[in-house]
Structure formats: structure tokens, C-alpha cells
N, C-alpha and C. Protein backbone atom coordinates (compact mmCIF):
# COMPACT_ATOMS: atom_id res chain seq x y z
N MET A 1 8.38 25.66 76.80
CA MET A 1 7.58 24.35 76.35
C MET A 1 6.23 24.55 77.06
N ALA A 2 4.83 24.36 76.27
CA ALA A 2 3.70 24.62 77.12
C ALA A 2 3.39 23.60 78.34
N ALA A 3 2.54 23.79 79.11
CA ALA A 3 2.53 23.08 80.17
C ALA A 3 1.78 21.81 79.77
N ASP A 4 1.02 21.78 78.75
CA ASP A 4 -0.04 20.90 78.38
C ASP A 4 0.93 19.88 76.98
N GLN A 5 2.06 19.94 77.28
CA GLN A 5 2.99 19.24 76.35
C GLN A 5 4.16 18.42 77.17
N VAL A 6 4.75 17.38 76.87
CA VAL A 6 5.98 16.97 77.27
C VAL A 6 6.71 16.41 76.08
N ASP A 7 7.92 16.22 75.89
CA ASP A 7 8.77 15.50 74.82
C ASP A 7 9.42 14.55 75.74
N VAL A 8 9.06 13.34 75.65
CA VAL A 8 9.15 12.25 76.71
C VAL A 8 10.52 12.00 76.68
N GLU A 9 11.39 11.76 75.48
CA GLU A 9 12.39 11.40 75.44
C GLU A 9 13.40 12.65 75.21
N VAL A 10 13.24 13.80 74.77
CA VAL A 10 13.98 14.96 74.71
C VAL A 10 13.61 15.91 75.55
N ALA A 11 14.56 16.47 76.51
CA ALA A 11 14.40 17.33 77.35
C ALA A 11 13.60 18.80 76.84
N GLU A 12 13.71 19.12 75.85
CA GLU A 12 13.39 20.19 74.81
C GLU A 12 13.14 19.85 73.43
N GLU A 13 12.20 20.54 72.78
CA GLU A 13 11.96 20.04 71.18
C GLU A 13 13.32 20.09 70.63
N ASP A 14 14.16 21.19 70.45
CA ASP A 14 15.10 21.23 69.91
C ASP A 14 16.16 22.01 70.70
N PRO A 15 17.01 21.74 71.49
CA PRO A 15 17.83 22.43 72.34
C PRO A 15 19.28 22.50 71.89
N ALA A 16 19.59 22.05 70.91
CA ALA A 16 20.80 22.30 70.05
C ALA A 16 21.42 23.43 69.95
N PRO A 17 20.25 24.47 69.37
CA PRO A 17 20.89 25.87 69.30
C PRO A 17 21.20 26.63 70.43
N ARG A 18 21.06 25.84 71.81
CA ARG A 18 21.37 26.44 73.06
C ARG A 18 22.40 25.69 73.78
N LEU A 19 22.90 24.82 73.31
CA LEU A 19 23.83 23.99 74.00
C LEU A 19 25.50 24.51 73.55
N ASP A 20 26.25 24.41 74.53
CA ASP A 20 27.50 24.57 74.14
C ASP A 20 28.11 23.50 73.22
N PRO A 21 29.26 23.60 72.84
CA PRO A 21 29.80 22.79 71.75
C PRO A 21 30.06 21.65 71.88
N GLU A 22 30.52 21.31 73.38
CA GLU A 22 30.89 19.97 73.85
C GLU A 22 29.65 19.29 74.04
N THR A 23 28.69 19.76 74.53
CA THR A 23 27.16 19.14 74.98
C THR A 23 26.38 18.74 73.47
N ARG A 24 26.74 19.89 72.61
CA ARG A 24 26.10 19.37 71.35
C ARG A 24 26.77 18.17 70.69
N ALA A 25 28.14 18.24 70.93
CA ALA A 25 28.68 17.35 70.07
C ALA A 25 28.47 15.67 70.72
N ARG A 26 28.11 15.73 72.00
CA ARG A 26 27.86 14.20 72.64
C ARG A 26 26.55 14.05 72.50
N ARG A 27 25.79 15.14 72.19
CA ARG A 27 24.17 14.90 71.90
C ARG A 27 24.25 14.27 70.16
N GLU A 28 24.72 14.70 69.68
CA GLU A 28 24.64 14.29 67.91
C GLU A 28 25.49 12.96 68.16
N ALA A 29 26.36 12.43 68.97
CA ALA A 29 27.02 11.30 68.81
C ALA A 29 26.40 10.16 69.61
N ALA A 30 25.48 10.62 70.51
CA ALA A 30 24.56 9.59 71.40
C ALA A 30 23.45 9.44 70.28
N LEU A 31 22.65 10.45 69.67
CA LEU A 31 21.71 10.08 68.87
C LEU A 31 21.80 9.37 67.63
N LYS A 32 23.07 9.36 67.00
CA LYS A 32 23.39 8.68 66.20
C LYS A 32 23.46 6.82 66.38
N LEU A 33 23.46 6.90 67.79
CA LEU A 33 23.40 5.38 68.24
C LEU A 33 21.75 5.02 68.35
N VAL A 34 20.92 5.76 68.41
CA VAL A 34 19.60 5.58 68.68
C VAL A 34 19.07 5.19 67.30
N ARG A 35 18.17 3.70 67.41
CA ARG A 35 17.58 3.32 65.95
C ARG A 35 16.63 4.38 65.77
N LYS A 36 16.27 4.41 64.50
CA LYS A 36 15.16 5.35 63.93
C LYS A 36 14.06 4.78 63.29
N TYR A 37 13.06 5.50 63.25
CA TYR A 37 11.86 4.90 62.65
C TYR A 37 12.09 4.29 61.13
N GLY A 38 11.57 2.80 60.79
CA GLY A 38 11.77 2.28 59.68
C GLY A 38 12.81 0.94 60.29
N ASP A 39 13.47 1.00 61.39
CA ASP A 39 14.17 0.13 61.78
C ASP A 39 13.27 -1.15 62.44
N PRO A 40 13.51 -2.42 61.75
CA PRO A 40 12.74 -3.32 62.40
C PRO A 40 12.50 -3.45 63.95
N VAL A 41 13.80 -3.19 64.45
CA VAL A 41 13.97 -3.45 65.85
C VAL A 41 12.78 -2.93 66.36
N LEU A 42 12.56 -1.71 66.15
CA LEU A 42 11.46 -0.96 66.82
C LEU A 42 10.15 -1.19 66.82
N ARG A 43 9.79 -2.37 65.81
CA ARG A 43 8.56 -2.90 65.73
C ARG A 43 8.53 -4.46 66.29
N SER A 44 9.59 -4.89 66.99
CA SER A 44 10.00 -6.13 67.76
C SER A 44 9.73 -6.14 69.34
N ARG A 45 9.08 -7.13 69.83
CA ARG A 45 8.77 -7.65 71.23
C ARG A 45 10.30 -7.66 71.93
N ALA A 46 10.57 -7.09 72.74
CA ALA A 46 12.20 -7.69 73.34
C ALA A 46 11.86 -8.81 74.25
N LEU A 47 12.86 -9.40 74.63
CA LEU A 47 12.94 -10.89 75.43
C LEU A 47 13.31 -10.57 76.57
N GLU A 48 12.61 -11.25 77.62
CA GLU A 48 13.04 -11.06 79.20
C GLU A 48 14.54 -11.33 79.34
N ILE A 49 14.72 -10.84 80.63
CA ILE A 49 16.04 -11.05 80.98
C ILE A 49 16.38 -12.23 81.94
N GLU A 50 16.99 -13.21 81.83
CA GLU A 50 17.32 -14.26 82.85
C GLU A 50 18.75 -14.15 83.55
N ARG A 51 19.60 -13.41 82.65
CA ARG A 51 20.99 -13.49 83.51
C ARG A 51 21.10 -12.10 84.12
N PHE A 52 21.40 -11.92 85.48
CA PHE A 52 21.49 -10.67 85.93
C PHE A 52 23.30 -10.75 86.42
N ASP A 53 23.90 -10.15 85.21
CA ASP A 53 25.61 -10.28 85.38
C ASP A 53 25.90 -9.06 85.26
N ASP A 54 27.26 -9.01 85.27
CA ASP A 54 28.02 -7.68 84.88
C ASP A 54 27.82 -7.08 83.42
N ALA A 55 27.54 -8.03 82.48
CA ALA A 55 27.31 -7.68 81.21
C ALA A 55 26.05 -6.86 81.34
N LEU A 56 24.92 -7.26 82.10
CA LEU A 56 23.66 -6.59 81.83
C LEU A 56 23.74 -5.17 82.84
N ARG A 57 24.66 -5.26 83.83
CA ARG A 57 24.75 -3.94 84.63
C ARG A 57 25.67 -2.89 83.70
N GLU A 58 26.40 -3.24 82.68
CA GLU A 58 27.07 -2.64 81.69
C GLU A 58 26.21 -2.11 80.70
N GLU A 59 25.29 -2.62 80.53
CA GLU A 59 24.42 -2.42 79.42
C GLU A 59 23.65 -1.22 79.78
N ILE A 60 23.14 -1.44 81.14
CA ILE A 60 22.32 -0.50 81.82
C ILE A 60 23.15 1.01 82.01
N ARG A 61 23.99 0.54 82.40
CA ARG A 61 25.07 1.88 82.63
C ARG A 61 25.37 2.58 81.23
N ARG A 62 25.40 1.90 80.23
CA ARG A 62 25.70 2.39 78.85
C ARG A 62 24.39 3.02 78.32
N MET A 63 23.01 2.41 78.67
CA MET A 63 21.88 3.26 78.35
C MET A 63 21.70 4.48 78.89
N GLY A 64 22.12 4.56 80.28
CA GLY A 64 21.85 5.61 80.98
C GLY A 64 22.76 6.74 80.70
N GLN A 65 23.89 6.38 80.19
CA GLN A 65 24.91 7.37 79.67
C GLN A 65 24.29 7.84 78.47
N LEU A 66 24.11 6.95 77.53
CA LEU A 66 23.40 7.38 76.18
C LEU A 66 22.44 8.37 76.31
N MET A 67 21.24 8.14 77.33
CA MET A 67 19.99 8.82 77.44
C MET A 67 20.44 10.31 77.97
N HIS A 68 21.59 10.29 78.90
CA HIS A 68 21.93 11.56 79.58
C HIS A 68 22.65 12.10 78.51
N ASP A 69 23.43 11.91 77.58
CA ASP A 69 24.18 12.52 76.60
C ASP A 69 23.15 12.90 75.24
N SER A 70 22.20 12.25 75.48
CA SER A 70 20.95 12.68 74.08
C SER A 70 20.06 13.60 74.56
N LEU A 71 20.14 14.11 76.01
CA LEU A 71 19.54 14.80 76.44
C LEU A 71 17.88 14.17 76.95
N GLY A 72 17.95 13.14 76.67
CA GLY A 72 16.65 11.97 76.88
C GLY A 72 16.22 12.05 78.61
N ILE A 73 14.88 11.60 78.40
CA ILE A 73 14.26 11.29 79.92
C ILE A 73 13.80 9.84 80.09
N GLY A 74 14.16 9.18 78.88
CA GLY A 74 13.75 7.62 79.02
C GLY A 74 14.56 7.12 77.70
N LEU A 75 14.67 5.91 77.93
CA LEU A 75 15.52 5.20 76.78
C LEU A 75 15.11 3.64 76.79
N ALA A 76 14.66 2.91 75.95
CA ALA A 76 14.42 1.45 75.98
C ALA A 76 15.56 0.78 75.35
N ALA A 77 15.91 -0.50 75.72
CA ALA A 77 17.11 -1.13 75.23
C ALA A 77 16.85 -1.33 73.47
N THR A 78 15.56 -1.67 73.18
CA THR A 78 15.28 -1.74 71.75
C THR A 78 15.65 -0.77 70.54
N GLN A 79 15.78 0.50 71.50
CA GLN A 79 16.19 1.82 70.52
C GLN A 79 17.49 1.71 70.20
N ILE A 80 18.25 0.85 71.00
CA ILE A 80 19.65 0.89 70.65
C ILE A 80 19.92 -0.41 69.92
N GLY A 81 19.05 -1.23 69.66
CA GLY A 81 19.15 -2.36 68.89
C GLY A 81 19.37 -3.61 69.74
N VAL A 82 19.14 -3.60 71.15
CA VAL A 82 19.29 -4.62 71.94
C VAL A 82 17.95 -5.24 72.26
N MET A 83 17.75 -6.47 72.11
CA MET A 83 16.45 -6.95 72.30
C MET A 83 16.12 -7.39 73.99
N HIS A 84 16.25 -6.74 74.81
CA HIS A 84 16.18 -7.16 76.16
C HIS A 84 15.08 -6.18 76.94
N ARG A 85 14.44 -6.77 77.51
CA ARG A 85 13.34 -6.00 78.61
C ARG A 85 13.94 -4.90 79.51
N VAL A 86 14.65 -3.97 79.02
CA VAL A 86 15.24 -3.18 80.13
C VAL A 86 15.01 -1.85 79.45
N LEU A 87 14.72 -0.93 80.40
CA LEU A 87 14.36 0.45 80.28
C LEU A 87 15.22 1.48 81.56
N VAL A 88 15.55 2.39 80.81
CA VAL A 88 16.06 3.63 81.86
C VAL A 88 15.74 4.87 81.78
N TYR A 89 15.31 5.60 82.99
CA TYR A 89 14.63 6.96 82.86
C TYR A 89 14.99 7.81 83.80
N ARG A 90 14.77 9.02 83.85
CA ARG A 90 15.54 9.79 84.80
C ARG A 90 14.07 11.39 84.55
N VAL A 91 13.39 11.63 85.52
CA VAL A 91 12.31 12.67 84.98
C VAL A 91 13.16 14.06 85.68
N GLU A 92 13.85 14.06 86.51
CA GLU A 92 14.48 15.10 87.51
C GLU A 92 15.80 15.36 86.86
N SER A 93 16.27 16.49 86.36
CA SER A 93 17.67 16.35 85.81
C SER A 93 19.00 15.89 86.62
N ASP A 94 18.31 16.29 88.23
CA ASP A 94 19.43 16.21 88.88
C ASP A 94 19.08 14.74 89.80
N GLY A 95 18.44 13.81 89.53
CA GLY A 95 18.06 12.84 89.90
C GLY A 95 18.96 11.64 89.73
N PRO A 96 18.59 10.42 90.17
CA PRO A 96 19.39 9.37 89.87
C PRO A 96 18.53 8.64 88.47
N ILE A 97 19.63 7.95 87.81
CA ILE A 97 18.84 7.09 86.81
C ILE A 97 18.10 5.98 87.35
N ALA A 98 17.07 5.48 86.74
CA ALA A 98 16.36 4.52 87.39
C ALA A 98 16.50 3.50 86.04
N ALA A 99 16.65 2.08 86.71
CA ALA A 99 16.55 0.99 85.55
C ALA A 99 15.25 0.00 85.55
N LEU A 100 14.76 -0.25 84.74
CA LEU A 100 13.66 -1.54 85.08
C LEU A 100 13.83 -2.61 84.18
N VAL A 101 14.16 -3.59 84.71
CA VAL A 101 14.43 -5.15 84.06
C VAL A 101 13.24 -5.65 84.10
N ASN A 102 12.72 -6.25 82.78
CA ASN A 102 11.26 -7.01 83.00
C ASN A 102 10.30 -6.41 83.75
N PRO A 103 9.94 -5.20 83.09
CA PRO A 103 9.06 -4.39 83.81
C PRO A 103 7.60 -4.71 83.23
N VAL A 104 6.56 -4.82 84.05
CA VAL A 104 5.17 -5.36 83.80
C VAL A 104 4.36 -4.16 84.39
N LEU A 105 3.26 -3.92 83.44
CA LEU A 105 2.26 -2.74 83.88
C LEU A 105 1.18 -3.67 84.66
N GLU A 106 1.22 -3.29 85.93
CA GLU A 106 0.52 -4.46 86.85
C GLU A 106 -1.12 -3.66 86.89
N TRP A 107 -0.72 -2.14 86.95
CA TRP A 107 -2.37 -1.26 87.27
C TRP A 107 -1.97 -0.47 86.51
N ALA A 108 -3.04 0.38 86.05
CA ALA A 108 -3.18 1.83 85.39
C ALA A 108 -4.54 2.60 85.73
N SER A 109 -4.42 3.43 86.38
CA SER A 109 -5.44 4.36 86.74
C SER A 109 -6.71 4.44 85.41
N GLU A 110 -7.79 4.80 85.63
CA GLU A 110 -9.07 4.78 84.62
C GLU A 110 -8.61 6.36 84.31
N GLU A 111 -8.11 7.23 85.15
CA GLU A 111 -8.01 8.83 84.79
C GLU A 111 -6.75 8.61 83.79
N GLN A 112 -7.15 9.57 82.64
CA GLN A 112 -6.10 9.63 81.64
C GLN A 112 -5.83 11.17 81.51
N GLU A 113 -4.75 11.44 80.64
CA GLU A 113 -4.35 12.87 80.47
C GLU A 113 -3.86 12.77 79.07
N PRO A 114 -4.29 13.73 78.23
CA PRO A 114 -3.46 14.04 76.90
C PRO A 114 -2.44 15.00 76.95
N LEU A 115 -1.28 14.45 76.63
CA LEU A 115 -0.08 15.20 76.24
C LEU A 115 0.80 14.91 75.10
N ASP A 116 1.36 15.97 74.64
CA ASP A 116 2.11 16.00 73.43
C ASP A 116 3.56 14.97 73.83
N GLU A 117 3.92 14.01 73.20
CA GLU A 117 5.12 13.11 73.03
C GLU A 117 5.87 13.29 72.06
N GLY A 118 7.31 13.20 72.47
CA GLY A 118 8.27 12.99 71.35
C GLY A 118 9.30 11.76 71.44
N CYS A 119 9.97 11.55 70.96
CA CYS A 119 10.60 10.27 70.85
C CYS A 119 12.04 10.31 69.95
N LEU A 120 13.11 9.86 70.87
CA LEU A 120 14.45 9.93 70.09
C LEU A 120 14.43 9.30 68.95
N SER A 121 13.54 8.02 68.61
CA SER A 121 13.42 7.21 67.59
C SER A 121 12.88 7.72 66.31
N LEU A 122 12.07 8.88 66.86
CA LEU A 122 11.05 9.41 65.59
C LEU A 122 11.64 11.09 65.46
N PRO A 123 12.68 11.61 65.18
CA PRO A 123 13.03 12.86 65.20
C PRO A 123 12.29 13.93 64.42
N GLY A 124 11.74 14.86 65.29
CA GLY A 124 10.97 15.86 64.90
C GLY A 124 9.63 15.80 65.28
N VAL A 125 9.18 14.55 65.61
CA VAL A 125 7.93 14.13 65.40
C VAL A 125 7.38 14.90 67.09
N LEU A 126 5.91 15.12 67.22
CA LEU A 126 5.30 15.49 68.34
C LEU A 126 4.12 15.22 68.07
N VAL A 127 3.42 14.30 69.00
CA VAL A 127 1.97 13.90 68.70
C VAL A 127 1.29 13.91 70.14
N GLU A 128 0.17 14.06 69.99
CA GLU A 128 -0.69 14.18 71.47
C GLU A 128 -1.12 12.50 71.84
N VAL A 129 -0.76 12.13 73.00
CA VAL A 129 -1.13 10.62 73.33
C VAL A 129 -1.80 10.88 74.74
N ASP A 130 -2.89 9.62 74.61
CA ASP A 130 -3.68 9.66 76.06
C ASP A 130 -2.84 8.71 76.78
N ARG A 131 -2.49 9.15 77.82
CA ARG A 131 -2.03 7.83 78.71
C ARG A 131 -2.93 7.86 80.33
N PRO A 132 -2.82 6.60 81.06
CA PRO A 132 -3.00 6.76 82.19
C PRO A 132 -2.28 7.83 83.14
N VAL A 133 -2.63 8.52 84.18
CA VAL A 133 -2.10 9.43 84.99
C VAL A 133 -1.44 8.57 85.88
N HIS A 134 -1.83 7.72 86.36
CA HIS A 134 -1.05 6.65 87.63
C HIS A 134 -1.04 5.31 87.33
N VAL A 135 0.11 4.80 87.69
CA VAL A 135 0.45 3.25 87.06
C VAL A 135 1.34 2.59 88.40
N ARG A 136 1.02 1.40 88.42
CA ARG A 136 1.83 0.84 89.20
C ARG A 136 2.65 -0.54 88.35
N VAL A 137 4.07 -0.62 88.37
CA VAL A 137 4.89 -1.38 87.88
C VAL A 137 5.59 -2.66 88.36
N THR A 138 5.79 -3.61 87.94
CA THR A 138 6.60 -4.58 88.98
C THR A 138 7.88 -5.01 87.77
N ALA A 139 9.02 -5.12 88.64
CA ALA A 139 10.16 -5.27 87.49
C ALA A 139 11.17 -5.78 88.55
N GLN A 140 12.31 -5.89 88.06
CA GLN A 140 13.66 -6.23 88.87
C GLN A 140 14.81 -5.21 88.70
N ASP A 141 15.60 -5.25 89.58
CA ASP A 141 16.67 -4.11 89.53
C ASP A 141 17.93 -4.89 88.80
N GLU A 142 18.83 -4.45 88.58
CA GLU A 142 20.02 -4.73 87.78
C GLU A 142 20.79 -6.05 88.29
N ARG A 143 20.23 -6.18 89.73
CA ARG A 143 21.04 -7.52 90.40
C ARG A 143 19.90 -8.81 90.54
N GLY A 144 18.85 -8.34 89.91
CA GLY A 144 17.39 -9.39 89.86
C GLY A 144 16.56 -9.33 90.90
N GLU A 145 16.73 -8.26 91.93
CA GLU A 145 15.56 -8.05 93.12
C GLU A 145 14.43 -7.55 92.44
N ASP A 146 13.39 -8.06 92.96
CA ASP A 146 12.18 -7.58 92.74
C ASP A 146 11.72 -6.11 93.35
N ILE A 147 11.15 -5.36 92.54
CA ILE A 147 10.94 -4.03 92.69
C ILE A 147 9.47 -3.64 92.17
N VAL A 148 9.05 -2.59 93.15
CA VAL A 148 7.53 -1.99 92.49
C VAL A 148 7.44 -0.64 92.54
N VAL A 149 7.26 -0.04 91.43
CA VAL A 149 7.20 1.07 91.27
C VAL A 149 5.73 1.60 90.97
N GLU A 150 5.39 2.69 91.90
CA GLU A 150 4.07 3.25 91.74
C GLU A 150 4.46 4.85 91.32
N ALA A 151 3.65 5.01 90.22
CA ALA A 151 4.34 6.45 89.54
C ALA A 151 2.97 7.28 89.09
N SER A 152 3.29 8.30 89.07
CA SER A 152 2.12 9.64 88.58
C SER A 152 2.81 10.43 87.71
N GLY A 153 1.57 11.03 87.06
CA GLY A 153 2.33 12.36 86.08
C GLY A 153 3.33 11.88 84.75
N LEU A 154 4.40 12.99 85.07
CA LEU A 154 5.47 12.35 83.85
C LEU A 154 6.37 11.12 84.21
N GLU A 155 6.27 10.98 85.62
CA GLU A 155 7.14 9.70 85.30
C GLU A 155 6.28 8.47 84.67
N ALA A 156 4.90 8.50 85.42
CA ALA A 156 3.93 7.45 84.74
C ALA A 156 4.17 7.18 83.45
N ARG A 157 4.25 8.53 82.82
CA ARG A 157 3.95 8.75 81.32
C ARG A 157 5.33 8.02 80.69
N VAL A 158 6.51 8.65 81.28
CA VAL A 158 8.03 7.79 80.69
C VAL A 158 7.94 6.58 80.75
N ILE A 159 7.41 5.76 81.76
CA ILE A 159 7.47 4.77 82.10
C ILE A 159 6.69 3.85 80.81
N GLN A 160 5.35 4.43 80.71
CA GLN A 160 4.58 3.85 79.74
C GLN A 160 5.07 3.80 78.28
N HIS A 161 5.75 5.16 78.27
CA HIS A 161 6.14 5.28 76.72
C HIS A 161 7.34 4.19 76.38
N GLU A 162 8.25 3.87 77.40
CA GLU A 162 9.31 2.80 77.12
C GLU A 162 9.07 1.59 77.31
N LEU A 163 7.89 1.34 78.02
CA LEU A 163 7.14 0.07 78.00
C LEU A 163 6.66 -0.36 76.46
N ASP A 164 5.91 0.57 75.96
CA ASP A 164 5.46 0.45 74.77
C ASP A 164 6.72 -0.04 73.85
N HIS A 165 7.96 0.67 73.62
CA HIS A 165 8.89 0.36 72.93
C HIS A 165 9.48 -1.07 73.06
N LEU A 166 9.21 -1.67 74.40
CA LEU A 166 9.78 -2.86 74.51
C LEU A 166 8.59 -3.82 73.89
N ASP A 167 7.42 -3.53 73.80
CA ASP A 167 6.47 -4.47 72.89
C ASP A 167 6.47 -4.11 71.33
N GLY A 168 7.51 -3.31 71.12
CA GLY A 168 7.02 -2.61 69.53
C GLY A 168 6.26 -1.76 69.13
N THR A 169 5.69 -0.83 70.11
CA THR A 169 4.62 0.08 69.92
C THR A 169 5.40 1.59 70.04
N LEU A 170 4.95 2.27 68.95
CA LEU A 170 5.43 3.73 69.20
C LEU A 170 4.22 4.66 68.97
N ILE A 171 4.70 5.99 69.33
CA ILE A 171 3.60 6.86 69.90
C ILE A 171 2.61 7.41 68.85
N VAL A 172 3.40 6.90 67.35
CA VAL A 172 2.37 7.02 66.26
C VAL A 172 1.26 6.13 66.18
N ASP A 173 1.36 4.98 66.84
CA ASP A 173 0.43 3.94 66.94
C ASP A 173 -0.50 4.34 67.93
N ARG A 174 -0.29 5.72 68.83
CA ARG A 174 -1.32 5.99 70.01
C ARG A 174 -1.92 7.22 69.82
N THR A 175 -1.98 7.47 68.44
CA THR A 175 -2.45 9.15 68.33
C THR A 175 -3.54 9.08 67.33
N SER A 176 -4.17 10.12 66.97
CA SER A 176 -5.36 10.18 65.80
C SER A 176 -4.46 10.03 64.38
N ARG A 177 -5.48 9.63 63.40
CA ARG A 177 -5.09 9.13 62.26
C ARG A 177 -4.48 10.55 61.39
N ASP A 178 -4.96 11.83 61.72
CA ASP A 178 -4.38 13.02 61.13
C ASP A 178 -2.90 13.53 61.62
N GLN A 179 -2.93 13.25 63.13
CA GLN A 179 -1.64 13.24 63.52
C GLN A 179 -0.62 12.42 63.07
N ARG A 180 -0.99 11.04 62.80
CA ARG A 180 0.14 10.10 62.15
C ARG A 180 0.23 10.33 60.90
N LYS A 181 -0.39 11.02 60.22
CA LYS A 181 -0.38 11.51 58.91
C LYS A 181 0.78 12.61 59.06
N GLN A 182 0.55 13.44 59.57
CA GLN A 182 1.73 14.49 59.64
C GLN A 182 2.65 13.96 60.15
N ALA A 183 2.91 13.21 61.08
CA ALA A 183 4.17 12.57 61.89
C ALA A 183 4.82 11.95 60.55
N MET A 184 3.97 11.07 59.70
CA MET A 184 4.64 10.44 58.71
C MET A 184 5.53 11.63 57.85
N ARG A 185 4.71 12.79 57.31
CA ARG A 185 5.30 13.69 56.40
C ARG A 185 6.73 14.11 57.12
N THR A 186 6.53 14.26 58.41
CA THR A 186 7.89 15.15 59.13
C THR A 186 8.89 13.82 59.12
N LEU A 187 8.89 12.67 59.28
CA LEU A 187 9.74 11.69 59.25
C LEU A 187 10.44 11.61 57.80
N ARG A 188 9.54 11.32 56.68
CA ARG A 188 9.99 11.61 55.39
C ARG A 188 10.87 12.56 55.03
N GLU A 189 10.47 13.80 55.64
CA GLU A 189 11.78 14.89 55.44
C GLU A 189 12.90 14.80 56.33
N THR A 190 12.88 13.96 57.41
CA THR A 190 13.70 14.02 58.58
C THR A 190 14.75 13.07 58.17
N LEU A 191 14.36 11.66 57.84
CA LEU A 191 14.92 10.58 57.73
C LEU A 191 15.37 9.90 56.28
N PRO A 192 16.61 10.18 56.20
CA PRO A 192 16.93 9.56 54.86
C PRO A 192 16.58 8.46 54.40
N ALA A 193 16.57 7.04 54.69
CA ALA A 193 16.11 5.88 54.67
C ALA A 193 14.67 5.93 54.36
N PRO A 194 14.36 4.77 53.27
CA PRO A 194 12.95 4.80 53.02
C PRO A 194 12.13 4.30 54.17
N LEU A 195 10.82 4.89 54.68
CA LEU A 195 10.27 4.19 55.56
C LEU A 195 9.52 2.90 55.41
N GLY A 196 9.37 1.95 56.54
CA GLY A 196 8.84 0.38 56.09
C GLY A 196 7.61 0.62 56.44
N ASP A 197 6.90 1.46 57.21
CA ASP A 197 5.69 1.39 57.73
C ASP A 197 4.69 2.48 57.01
N ALA A 198 3.34 2.24 56.62
CA ALA A 198 2.44 3.16 56.13
C ALA A 198 1.77 3.72 57.61
N ALA A 199 1.22 5.13 56.89
CA ALA A 199 0.58 5.90 57.89
C ALA A 199 -0.89 5.37 58.38
């Protein structure tokens, strides 16, 4: 993958041909659980979490496993049809999975960088998105403790991508008209269901 592009939620554009059969099967099973473009939940704003209980911790664990199995590096709860303000991400393949509950973007740098992004919910689509290079986000952990994340580069981009999901915003909303039209063509070829949104 070129240095000037990153597939935010999928480690590679199409890693399937190089995967062993077991990993490929796990990835395909995980991807079936991810809501795809046209599903109204992807255009809905998620609700704040008020109860920090075992059910929430299990939801976060499940999201982390699903993200791992799908070879993604970020996942928002809305992508699996859960209307909670929760996201998980991991930018280093051997690093721990981070979870942010009720995340709020407190600050973003004026410096921005364009990079190609992909999304598990928009299969086959890769579009250029300008995003701030540095961000500060306040959130809570799985037990309700306040946390602050200061992130740069890929980590900042992944967090912003997933925050967008929690607000019902997709990468096609943040790109040029021409790229959006091409993305719609790709989705029409990829997804069997009729698409609800116009280019």
C-alpha cells in the first residue's frame, strides 16, 4: 500500500487472497455482521452510555474481537447495529485494543493531511479524506473512568473516522463529488440491496 493512503478499517485493500483458510473464514464471518452502506443505522447518531456494567464490557470485548477477525483497525458500535457511543481501535497489530466510550473531540489541529480511507461498511470503496493530523479526545473507559487521548497521524485519523460513524457521517460525505460518484458506482456493483442515499 502506498505511503499516501491508508485503509482505515481494513488492514489491506483486499487481503483475502493471501490469508490462510481459517483466517479467511473468520474474516468473512465477521464482515457479515458489519452493517453495510444503505442501512439506516449508519446514518443515525448514537446515544450516550449511562450504564457501565458487564453488558457494556461484553459489548466492547465483542467489538474488539469482531474488529480483529475482520482485519480492521477501528470499529464503531453503530457498524454492528448498536446505537451506543462506543468505538474500538488498534493501529499496531500487536498492540492492545483501545475502547472509547462517549468520546468527544475536544481539539483538532489546523494542520490537515489528505489520505485515502476505506471502511468495512463500504466494501471496495477507497476515497481521499482530509483530516486534522493531531487531535485530543475526552472519553470514558469501560468502567466509566474519565480518560484523555492525544493522538497524531494514523491513530488520530482512525479515531476521527470512528467518531464520524457515531454521528452518522461516512467517508463519502467527506470527499469530493467526483470520488463520491465513483464510490456510489462501486457500491452499486458490490452490494446487492438497493442503496438509499444518492451521490
